[in-house]
Amino acid sequence: MFFHSDGHIEQIIPVLIELGVDALNAQLFCMDIEETGARYRGQITFWGEIDRQHILPFQGPKEVKAAVARVRKALDYGQGGVIAQCEWGNDVPQENIEAVFDAWLD
């Protein structure tokens, strides 16, 4: 089962796990990614979206790669746990999009 929300849903993640949700696509950067990973990594797969409101349109490739590394470090425990993904709008420079994919491949 797959669940998507654009809200701050950290408080209901235990309920989603209990209900049998396998993958969660949420606004990770609205929550404490490290705390969320520490509590739920290994119990649910996170859809690793990178912040498309602040980081992708307004930061550079270095910061974009750091955001990807942050998600991977917090949520990927070496046996899965995170699905790499990037969604962007017209305001995102191409080099930032490329940086996301390059960082996921590293």
Protein backbone atom coordinates (compact mmCIF):
# COMPACT_ATOMS: atom_id res chain seq x y z
CA MET A 1 0.00 0.00 0.00
CA PHE A 2 1.25 3.48 -0.89
CA PHE A 3 0.28 6.72 0.91
CA HIS A 4 0.81 10.32 -0.22
CA SER A 5 0.41 13.55 1.72
CA ASP A 6 1.69 17.08 1.25
CA GLY A 7 1.28 17.87 4.92
CA HIS A 8 3.27 17.56 8.12
CA ILE A 9 2.19 14.02 9.01
CA GLU A 10 4.92 12.81 11.32
CA GLN A 11 2.41 12.17 14.13
CA ILE A 12 0.39 9.68 12.07
CA ILE A 13 3.28 7.64 10.68
CA PRO A 14 2.88 4.96 13.41
CA VAL A 15 -0.79 4.59 12.42
CA LEU A 16 0.14 4.28 8.74
CA ILE A 17 2.65 1.56 9.62
CA GLU A 18 0.04 -0.24 11.72
CA LEU A 19 -2.43 -0.06 8.82
CA GLY A 20 0.12 -1.75 6.56
CA VAL A 21 1.33 1.18 4.46
CA ASP A 22 4.46 0.03 2.63
CA ALA A 23 5.61 3.33 1.10
CA LEU A 24 5.09 6.91 2.20
CA ASN A 25 5.42 9.97 -0.04
CA ALA A 26 5.39 12.99 2.25
CA GLN A 27 6.93 16.44 2.38
CA LEU A 28 10.04 15.19 4.16
CA PHE A 29 11.52 18.67 4.52
CA CYS A 30 8.47 19.81 6.53
CA MET A 31 9.44 17.28 9.19
CA ASP A 32 12.57 16.46 11.14
CA ILE A 33 14.06 14.02 8.63
CA GLU A 34 16.66 12.65 11.02
CA GLU A 35 14.16 12.05 13.83
CA THR A 36 11.66 10.51 11.42
CA GLY A 37 14.35 8.18 10.12
CA ALA A 38 15.50 7.24 13.61
CA ARG A 39 11.95 6.32 14.63
CA TYR A 40 10.59 4.64 11.50
CA ARG A 41 13.45 3.56 9.24
CA GLY A 42 13.09 -0.13 8.51
CA GLN A 43 9.35 -0.11 9.21
CA ILE A 44 8.20 1.80 6.13
CA THR A 45 9.76 2.88 2.85
CA PHE A 46 10.05 6.62 2.36
CA TRP A 47 9.53 8.26 -0.99
CA GLY A 48 12.56 10.56 -0.91
CA GLU A 49 11.31 13.79 -2.37
CA ILE A 50 13.69 16.75 -2.28
CA ASP A 51 12.33 20.13 -1.14
CA ARG A 52 10.91 21.73 -4.28
CA GLN A 53 9.74 24.91 -2.55
CA HIS A 54 13.05 26.17 -1.16
CA ILE A 55 16.05 24.03 -2.08
CA LEU A 56 15.46 23.07 -5.72
CA PRO A 57 14.45 26.51 -7.05
CA PHE A 58 16.65 28.74 -4.88
CA GLN A 59 19.80 26.82 -3.91
CA GLY A 60 22.70 25.62 -6.05
CA PRO A 61 23.81 22.13 -7.06
CA LYS A 62 26.03 21.79 -3.99
CA GLU A 63 23.09 22.40 -1.62
CA VAL A 64 20.85 20.13 -3.70
CA LYS A 65 23.36 17.29 -3.43
CA ALA A 66 23.61 17.91 0.32
CA ALA A 67 19.81 17.62 0.60
CA VAL A 68 19.87 14.28 -1.22
CA ALA A 69 22.68 13.07 1.05
CA ARG A 70 20.67 14.15 4.10
CA VAL A 71 17.65 12.13 2.98
CA ARG A 72 19.75 9.07 2.20
CA LYS A 73 21.66 9.21 5.48
CA ALA A 74 18.49 9.57 7.55
CA LEU A 75 16.22 7.14 5.73
CA ASP A 76 18.25 4.59 3.75
CA TYR A 77 19.72 1.86 5.90
CA GLY A 78 21.51 0.05 3.06
CA GLN A 79 18.73 -2.44 2.36
CA GLY A 80 16.17 -0.11 0.86
CA GLY A 81 14.09 2.25 2.88
CA VAL A 82 13.97 5.16 0.46
CA ILE A 83 12.74 5.59 -3.10
CA ALA A 84 14.70 8.21 -5.03
CA GLN A 85 12.48 10.83 -6.61
CA CYS A 86 12.61 14.35 -7.94
CA GLU A 87 9.69 16.55 -8.87
CA TRP A 88 10.24 20.12 -10.04
CA GLY A 89 8.57 23.17 -11.48
CA ASN A 90 9.54 25.60 -14.22
CA ASP A 91 11.50 27.69 -11.70
CA VAL A 92 14.14 25.01 -11.05
CA PRO A 93 17.47 25.39 -12.88
CA GLN A 94 18.42 22.37 -14.98
CA GLU A 95 21.74 21.99 -13.14
CA ASN A 96 19.79 21.44 -9.90
CA ILE A 97 17.69 18.72 -11.47
CA GLU A 98 20.83 17.04 -12.76
CA ALA A 99 22.41 17.41 -9.31
CA VAL A 100 19.52 15.48 -7.72
CA PHE A 101 19.93 12.54 -10.10
CA ASP A 102 23.73 12.61 -9.85
CA ALA A 103 23.52 12.58 -6.05
CA TRP A 104 21.07 9.67 -5.98
CA LEU A 105 23.46 7.68 -8.18
CA ASP A 106 26.48 8.40 -5.93
